Amino acid sequence: MPTAAITYKVKPGFEEEIAEIFADFKRAGSPIMRDDSGKEIGRIQATALFIKDDRMVRFIRFDGTLDDVARHMAAQEGVKEAERRLAAYLAEPRDTSTVEGFLTYFRNSTMRCLSELSVDSLPPEILAKL
């Protein structure tokens, strides 16, 4: 199951204001991602958001593709509201008002994964010893 890290360059000194935006965050109606015909194509398993100084990083664990995640998130009202509120604190403005803009931002801001280890990736013989 892949994990993506999406980075945001924010204006330093606004950590508390940005924290308030996400304290009020409205979760997605469903973690299930669907294609245009309604068929399930993936699922968001978990998200986490971290901030320090001028850098914010969102981690997303999912089944499916990152483009599917971006499309799903771009359609969520809570995400749209958070994006509108966050705009004032971004060091680099971006347009996420459309699905294509959201996809472009995700593609351009995804950090390269150097290593991802989890219990799921352990060989059965190791798991049996735990």
N, C-alpha and C. Protein backbone atom coordinates (compact mmCIF):
# COMPACT_ATOMS: atom_id res chain seq x y z
N MET A 1 0.84 -1.17 0.00
CA MET A 1 0.00 0.00 0.00
C MET A 1 0.89 1.24 0.00
N PRO A 2 0.81 2.07 -1.03
CA PRO A 2 1.70 3.23 -1.13
C PRO A 2 1.33 4.35 -0.15
N THR A 3 2.35 5.14 0.16
CA THR A 3 2.19 6.36 0.94
C THR A 3 2.79 7.49 0.12
N ALA A 4 2.07 8.59 0.01
CA ALA A 4 2.58 9.76 -0.70
C ALA A 4 2.82 10.88 0.31
N ALA A 5 3.80 11.71 0.04
CA ALA A 5 4.08 12.90 0.83
C ALA A 5 3.95 14.10 -0.11
N ILE A 6 3.02 14.96 0.21
CA ILE A 6 2.76 16.17 -0.58
C ILE A 6 3.28 17.35 0.22
N THR A 7 4.14 18.15 -0.38
CA THR A 7 4.76 19.26 0.34
C THR A 7 4.11 20.59 -0.04
N TYR A 8 4.03 21.46 0.94
CA TYR A 8 3.49 22.80 0.76
C TYR A 8 4.52 23.78 1.30
N LYS A 9 4.84 24.81 0.54
CA LYS A 9 5.69 25.89 1.05
C LYS A 9 4.75 26.95 1.60
N VAL A 10 4.87 27.19 2.91
CA VAL A 10 4.01 28.16 3.56
C VAL A 10 4.83 29.32 4.10
N LYS A 11 4.16 30.42 4.39
CA LYS A 11 4.83 31.58 4.97
C LYS A 11 5.19 31.25 6.41
N PRO A 12 6.44 31.47 6.80
CA PRO A 12 6.83 31.16 8.18
C PRO A 12 6.12 32.10 9.16
N GLY A 13 5.93 31.59 10.38
CA GLY A 13 5.32 32.40 11.42
C GLY A 13 3.81 32.27 11.50
N PHE A 14 3.22 31.41 10.70
CA PHE A 14 1.77 31.25 10.69
C PHE A 14 1.35 29.81 11.05
N GLU A 15 2.19 29.11 11.79
CA GLU A 15 1.88 27.73 12.13
C GLU A 15 0.55 27.60 12.87
N GLU A 16 0.27 28.49 13.82
CA GLU A 16 -0.97 28.40 14.60
C GLU A 16 -2.19 28.70 13.74
N GLU A 17 -2.08 29.69 12.86
CA GLU A 17 -3.20 30.01 11.97
C GLU A 17 -3.52 28.84 11.04
N ILE A 18 -2.47 28.22 10.53
CA ILE A 18 -2.66 27.07 9.65
C ILE A 18 -3.20 25.89 10.45
N ALA A 19 -2.74 25.71 11.67
CA ALA A 19 -3.26 24.63 12.52
C ALA A 19 -4.75 24.81 12.75
N GLU A 20 -5.21 26.05 12.92
CA GLU A 20 -6.64 26.31 13.12
C GLU A 20 -7.46 25.89 11.91
N ILE A 21 -6.91 26.11 10.72
CA ILE A 21 -7.63 25.71 9.50
C ILE A 21 -7.90 24.21 9.54
N PHE A 22 -6.91 23.45 9.91
CA PHE A 22 -7.06 22.00 9.86
C PHE A 22 -7.71 21.43 11.13
N ALA A 23 -7.77 22.22 12.20
CA ALA A 23 -8.53 21.80 13.39
C ALA A 23 -10.01 21.76 13.07
N ASP A 24 -10.45 22.60 12.13
CA ASP A 24 -11.86 22.68 11.73
C ASP A 24 -12.13 21.87 10.46
N PHE A 25 -11.18 21.08 10.02
CA PHE A 25 -11.28 20.38 8.74
C PHE A 25 -12.47 19.44 8.71
N LYS A 26 -13.22 19.51 7.61
CA LYS A 26 -14.35 18.60 7.40
C LYS A 26 -13.85 17.41 6.60
N ARG A 27 -13.91 16.25 7.22
CA ARG A 27 -13.42 15.03 6.57
C ARG A 27 -14.21 14.71 5.32
N ALA A 28 -13.59 13.92 4.45
CA ALA A 28 -14.27 13.46 3.24
C ALA A 28 -15.48 12.62 3.62
N GLY A 29 -16.50 12.67 2.80
CA GLY A 29 -17.71 11.90 3.04
C GLY A 29 -17.43 10.41 3.06
N SER A 30 -16.46 9.98 2.27
CA SER A 30 -16.10 8.57 2.19
C SER A 30 -14.65 8.44 1.77
N PRO A 31 -13.95 7.44 2.30
CA PRO A 31 -12.57 7.22 1.87
C PRO A 31 -12.49 6.45 0.54
N ILE A 32 -13.64 5.99 0.05
CA ILE A 32 -13.66 5.18 -1.17
C ILE A 32 -13.58 6.08 -2.40
N MET A 33 -12.66 5.77 -3.28
CA MET A 33 -12.51 6.51 -4.54
C MET A 33 -13.22 5.71 -5.62
N ARG A 34 -13.95 6.43 -6.47
CA ARG A 34 -14.73 5.78 -7.54
C ARG A 34 -14.42 6.45 -8.88
N ASP A 35 -14.56 5.66 -9.96
CA ASP A 35 -14.40 6.23 -11.29
C ASP A 35 -15.72 6.87 -11.72
N ASP A 36 -15.76 7.38 -12.94
CA ASP A 36 -16.96 8.08 -13.43
C ASP A 36 -18.19 7.20 -13.47
N SER A 37 -18.01 5.89 -13.57
CA SER A 37 -19.15 4.97 -13.62
C SER A 37 -19.59 4.53 -12.22
N GLY A 38 -18.86 4.95 -11.18
CA GLY A 38 -19.21 4.59 -9.81
C GLY A 38 -18.48 3.37 -9.27
N LYS A 39 -17.65 2.76 -10.10
CA LYS A 39 -16.89 1.58 -9.69
C LYS A 39 -15.78 1.98 -8.70
N GLU A 40 -15.64 1.21 -7.63
CA GLU A 40 -14.58 1.48 -6.66
C GLU A 40 -13.22 1.24 -7.31
N ILE A 41 -12.34 2.25 -7.21
CA ILE A 41 -11.01 2.14 -7.81
C ILE A 41 -9.89 2.31 -6.80
N GLY A 42 -10.25 2.58 -5.56
CA GLY A 42 -9.24 2.74 -4.53
C GLY A 42 -9.84 3.23 -3.25
N ARG A 43 -8.95 3.42 -2.28
CA ARG A 43 -9.41 3.84 -0.96
C ARG A 43 -8.29 4.60 -0.26
N ILE A 44 -8.64 5.70 0.37
CA ILE A 44 -7.68 6.41 1.21
C ILE A 44 -7.70 5.74 2.57
N GLN A 45 -6.55 5.22 2.98
CA GLN A 45 -6.45 4.48 4.23
C GLN A 45 -6.17 5.39 5.42
N ALA A 46 -5.33 6.41 5.21
CA ALA A 46 -4.96 7.30 6.31
C ALA A 46 -4.32 8.56 5.75
N THR A 47 -4.45 9.64 6.50
CA THR A 47 -3.75 10.88 6.15
C THR A 47 -3.17 11.47 7.43
N ALA A 48 -2.12 12.24 7.28
CA ALA A 48 -1.52 12.96 8.40
C ALA A 48 -0.92 14.24 7.84
N LEU A 49 -0.92 15.29 8.64
CA LEU A 49 -0.43 16.59 8.20
C LEU A 49 0.54 17.12 9.25
N PHE A 50 1.71 17.55 8.78
CA PHE A 50 2.76 18.05 9.67
C PHE A 50 3.20 19.43 9.19
N ILE A 51 3.61 20.29 10.13
CA ILE A 51 4.10 21.62 9.77
C ILE A 51 5.28 21.98 10.66
N LYS A 52 6.24 22.67 10.07
CA LYS A 52 7.37 23.24 10.80
C LYS A 52 7.91 24.39 9.97
N ASP A 53 7.95 25.56 10.59
CA ASP A 53 8.48 26.76 9.95
C ASP A 53 7.77 27.02 8.61
N ASP A 54 8.51 26.90 7.50
CA ASP A 54 7.93 27.23 6.20
C ASP A 54 7.57 26.00 5.37
N ARG A 55 7.41 24.86 6.03
CA ARG A 55 7.14 23.61 5.30
C ARG A 55 5.99 22.86 5.97
N MET A 56 5.05 22.45 5.14
CA MET A 56 3.96 21.60 5.60
C MET A 56 3.97 20.37 4.69
N VAL A 57 3.75 19.20 5.28
CA VAL A 57 3.75 17.96 4.50
C VAL A 57 2.52 17.15 4.88
N ARG A 58 1.79 16.71 3.86
CA ARG A 58 0.64 15.82 4.04
C ARG A 58 1.06 14.42 3.59
N PHE A 59 0.88 13.45 4.47
CA PHE A 59 1.13 12.06 4.14
C PHE A 59 -0.21 11.39 3.88
N ILE A 60 -0.28 10.62 2.82
CA ILE A 60 -1.51 9.93 2.45
C ILE A 60 -1.17 8.48 2.16
N ARG A 61 -1.81 7.56 2.89
CA ARG A 61 -1.66 6.13 2.62
C ARG A 61 -2.92 5.69 1.87
N PHE A 62 -2.74 5.00 0.76
CA PHE A 62 -3.88 4.73 -0.11
C PHE A 62 -3.72 3.45 -0.91
N ASP A 63 -4.83 2.95 -1.40
CA ASP A 63 -4.88 1.91 -2.42
C ASP A 63 -5.39 2.61 -3.67
N GLY A 64 -4.78 2.34 -4.82
CA GLY A 64 -5.16 3.02 -6.06
C GLY A 64 -3.99 3.81 -6.58
N THR A 65 -4.28 4.90 -7.28
CA THR A 65 -3.21 5.75 -7.81
C THR A 65 -3.29 7.12 -7.15
N LEU A 66 -2.17 7.82 -7.18
CA LEU A 66 -2.15 9.16 -6.60
C LEU A 66 -3.05 10.11 -7.38
N ASP A 67 -3.16 9.93 -8.69
CA ASP A 67 -4.09 10.75 -9.46
C ASP A 67 -5.53 10.52 -9.00
N ASP A 68 -5.88 9.27 -8.68
CA ASP A 68 -7.21 8.98 -8.16
C ASP A 68 -7.43 9.69 -6.82
N VAL A 69 -6.41 9.69 -5.98
CA VAL A 69 -6.49 10.37 -4.69
C VAL A 69 -6.73 11.87 -4.92
N ALA A 70 -5.96 12.46 -5.82
CA ALA A 70 -6.10 13.89 -6.09
C ALA A 70 -7.49 14.22 -6.62
N ARG A 71 -7.99 13.41 -7.55
CA ARG A 71 -9.34 13.64 -8.08
C ARG A 71 -10.39 13.55 -6.97
N HIS A 72 -10.25 12.55 -6.12
CA HIS A 72 -11.18 12.35 -5.02
C HIS A 72 -11.14 13.54 -4.07
N MET A 73 -9.95 13.96 -3.69
CA MET A 73 -9.81 15.07 -2.75
C MET A 73 -10.30 16.38 -3.36
N ALA A 74 -10.05 16.58 -4.64
CA ALA A 74 -10.47 17.82 -5.30
C ALA A 74 -11.98 18.00 -5.29
N ALA A 75 -12.70 16.90 -5.17
CA ALA A 75 -14.17 16.95 -5.18
C ALA A 75 -14.77 17.11 -3.79
N GLN A 76 -13.96 17.07 -2.74
CA GLN A 76 -14.46 17.13 -1.37
C GLN A 76 -14.64 18.58 -0.91
N GLU A 77 -15.80 18.89 -0.38
CA GLU A 77 -16.09 20.26 0.08
C GLU A 77 -15.13 20.70 1.18
N GLY A 78 -14.81 19.80 2.11
CA GLY A 78 -13.88 20.16 3.19
C GLY A 78 -12.50 20.53 2.66
N VAL A 79 -12.05 19.82 1.65
CA VAL A 79 -10.75 20.11 1.03
C VAL A 79 -10.81 21.47 0.33
N LYS A 80 -11.88 21.72 -0.40
CA LYS A 80 -12.02 23.00 -1.10
C LYS A 80 -12.01 24.16 -0.10
N GLU A 81 -12.72 24.01 1.01
CA GLU A 81 -12.75 25.05 2.02
C GLU A 81 -11.36 25.26 2.63
N ALA A 82 -10.67 24.18 2.98
CA ALA A 82 -9.32 24.30 3.55
C ALA A 82 -8.37 24.95 2.55
N GLU A 83 -8.48 24.61 1.27
CA GLU A 83 -7.62 25.21 0.24
C GLU A 83 -7.86 26.72 0.15
N ARG A 84 -9.13 27.12 0.21
CA ARG A 84 -9.44 28.57 0.15
C ARG A 84 -8.84 29.30 1.35
N ARG A 85 -8.98 28.71 2.53
CA ARG A 85 -8.47 29.35 3.75
C ARG A 85 -6.94 29.35 3.80
N LEU A 86 -6.34 28.31 3.26
CA LEU A 86 -4.89 28.16 3.28
C LEU A 86 -4.19 29.11 2.32
N ALA A 87 -4.86 29.54 1.28
CA ALA A 87 -4.26 30.35 0.22
C ALA A 87 -3.50 31.57 0.76
N ALA A 88 -4.01 32.21 1.79
CA ALA A 88 -3.36 33.42 2.34
C ALA A 88 -2.01 33.12 2.98
N TYR A 89 -1.76 31.87 3.33
CA TYR A 89 -0.54 31.49 4.03
C TYR A 89 0.47 30.76 3.16
N LEU A 90 0.16 30.60 1.89
CA LEU A 90 1.07 29.90 0.99
C LEU A 90 2.19 30.82 0.53
N ALA A 91 3.42 30.33 0.54
CA ALA A 91 4.56 31.10 0.03
C ALA A 91 4.57 31.09 -1.49
N GLU A 92 4.00 30.05 -2.06
CA GLU A 92 3.92 29.93 -3.52
C GLU A 92 2.46 29.68 -3.90
N PRO A 93 1.79 30.68 -4.44
CA PRO A 93 0.38 30.49 -4.81
C PRO A 93 0.24 29.39 -5.85
N ARG A 94 -0.92 28.74 -5.81
CA ARG A 94 -1.22 27.70 -6.78
C ARG A 94 -2.73 27.68 -7.00
N ASP A 95 -3.16 27.12 -8.09
CA ASP A 95 -4.58 27.07 -8.40
C ASP A 95 -5.08 25.64 -8.21
N THR A 96 -5.85 25.43 -7.17
CA THR A 96 -6.45 24.12 -6.93
C THR A 96 -7.97 24.20 -7.01
N SER A 97 -8.47 25.23 -7.71
CA SER A 97 -9.91 25.43 -7.80
C SER A 97 -10.57 24.48 -8.79
N THR A 98 -9.77 23.83 -9.63
CA THR A 98 -10.30 22.85 -10.57
C THR A 98 -9.64 21.50 -10.31
N VAL A 99 -10.26 20.46 -10.80
CA VAL A 99 -9.67 19.13 -10.64
C VAL A 99 -8.31 19.08 -11.32
N GLU A 100 -8.20 19.64 -12.51
CA GLU A 100 -6.91 19.63 -13.23
C GLU A 100 -5.84 20.41 -12.47
N GLY A 101 -6.23 21.55 -11.89
CA GLY A 101 -5.28 22.32 -11.07
C GLY A 101 -4.83 21.54 -9.85
N PHE A 102 -5.75 20.83 -9.24
CA PHE A 102 -5.42 20.00 -8.08
C PHE A 102 -4.47 18.88 -8.48
N LEU A 103 -4.76 18.24 -9.61
CA LEU A 103 -3.88 17.16 -10.11
C LEU A 103 -2.49 17.70 -10.39
N THR A 104 -2.41 18.86 -11.02
CA THR A 104 -1.11 19.46 -11.34
C THR A 104 -0.33 19.75 -10.06
N TYR A 105 -1.01 20.30 -9.06
CA TYR A 105 -0.31 20.59 -7.82
C TYR A 105 0.19 19.31 -7.16
N PHE A 106 -0.65 18.29 -7.09
CA PHE A 106 -0.22 17.02 -6.51
C PHE A 106 0.99 16.47 -7.25
N ARG A 107 0.94 16.47 -8.55
CA ARG A 107 2.05 15.92 -9.34
C ARG A 107 3.34 16.69 -9.11
N ASN A 108 3.24 18.01 -9.00
CA ASN A 108 4.43 18.85 -8.85
C ASN A 108 4.98 18.90 -7.43
N SER A 109 4.16 18.54 -6.45
CA SER A 109 4.60 18.69 -5.06
C SER A 109 4.80 17.36 -4.33
N THR A 110 4.65 16.26 -5.03
CA THR A 110 4.85 14.96 -4.41
C THR A 110 6.34 14.72 -4.19
N MET A 111 6.69 14.39 -2.97
CA MET A 111 8.08 14.12 -2.65
C MET A 111 8.46 12.72 -3.14
N ARG A 112 9.68 12.56 -3.50
CA ARG A 112 10.19 11.26 -3.93
C ARG A 112 10.32 10.34 -2.72
N CYS A 113 9.77 9.16 -2.83
CA CYS A 113 9.86 8.18 -1.75
C CYS A 113 11.19 7.43 -1.88
N LEU A 114 11.99 7.52 -0.86
CA LEU A 114 13.28 6.83 -0.86
C LEU A 114 13.19 5.46 -0.21
N SER A 115 12.28 5.33 0.74
CA SER A 115 12.12 4.06 1.43
C SER A 115 10.75 4.04 2.10
N GLU A 116 10.12 2.89 2.04
CA GLU A 116 8.84 2.72 2.74
C GLU A 116 8.80 1.31 3.30
N LEU A 117 8.84 1.22 4.61
CA LEU A 117 8.85 -0.06 5.28
C LEU A 117 7.60 -0.17 6.15
N SER A 118 7.00 -1.32 6.16
CA SER A 118 5.83 -1.55 7.01
C SER A 118 5.78 -3.01 7.39
N VAL A 119 4.95 -3.32 8.35
CA VAL A 119 4.76 -4.71 8.77
C VAL A 119 4.26 -5.52 7.59
N ASP A 120 3.43 -4.91 6.75
CA ASP A 120 2.89 -5.61 5.58
C ASP A 120 3.98 -6.09 4.63
N SER A 121 5.14 -5.44 4.64
CA SER A 121 6.20 -5.81 3.70
C SER A 121 7.18 -6.84 4.28
N LEU A 122 6.96 -7.25 5.53
CA LEU A 122 7.84 -8.25 6.13
C LEU A 122 7.55 -9.63 5.56
N PRO A 123 8.58 -10.44 5.38
CA PRO A 123 8.37 -11.82 4.92
C PRO A 123 7.57 -12.61 5.96
N PRO A 124 6.76 -13.57 5.51
CA PRO A 124 5.93 -14.36 6.43
C PRO A 124 6.72 -15.00 7.57
N GLU A 125 7.96 -15.46 7.28
CA GLU A 125 8.73 -16.12 8.31
C GLU A 125 9.13 -15.15 9.43
N ILE A 126 9.30 -13.89 9.11
CA ILE A 126 9.60 -12.87 10.14
C ILE A 126 8.33 -12.55 10.92
N LEU A 127 7.23 -12.39 10.21
CA LEU A 127 5.96 -12.10 10.87
C LEU A 127 5.58 -13.20 11.85
N ALA A 128 5.87 -14.43 11.50
CA ALA A 128 5.52 -15.55 12.38
C ALA A 128 6.28 -15.49 13.70
N LYS A 129 7.44 -14.85 13.72
CA LYS A 129 8.25 -14.76 14.93
C LYS A 129 7.83 -13.60 15.82
N LEU A 130 7.00 -12.71 15.32
CA LEU A 130 6.62 -11.53 16.11
C LEU A 130 5.58 -11.86 17.16
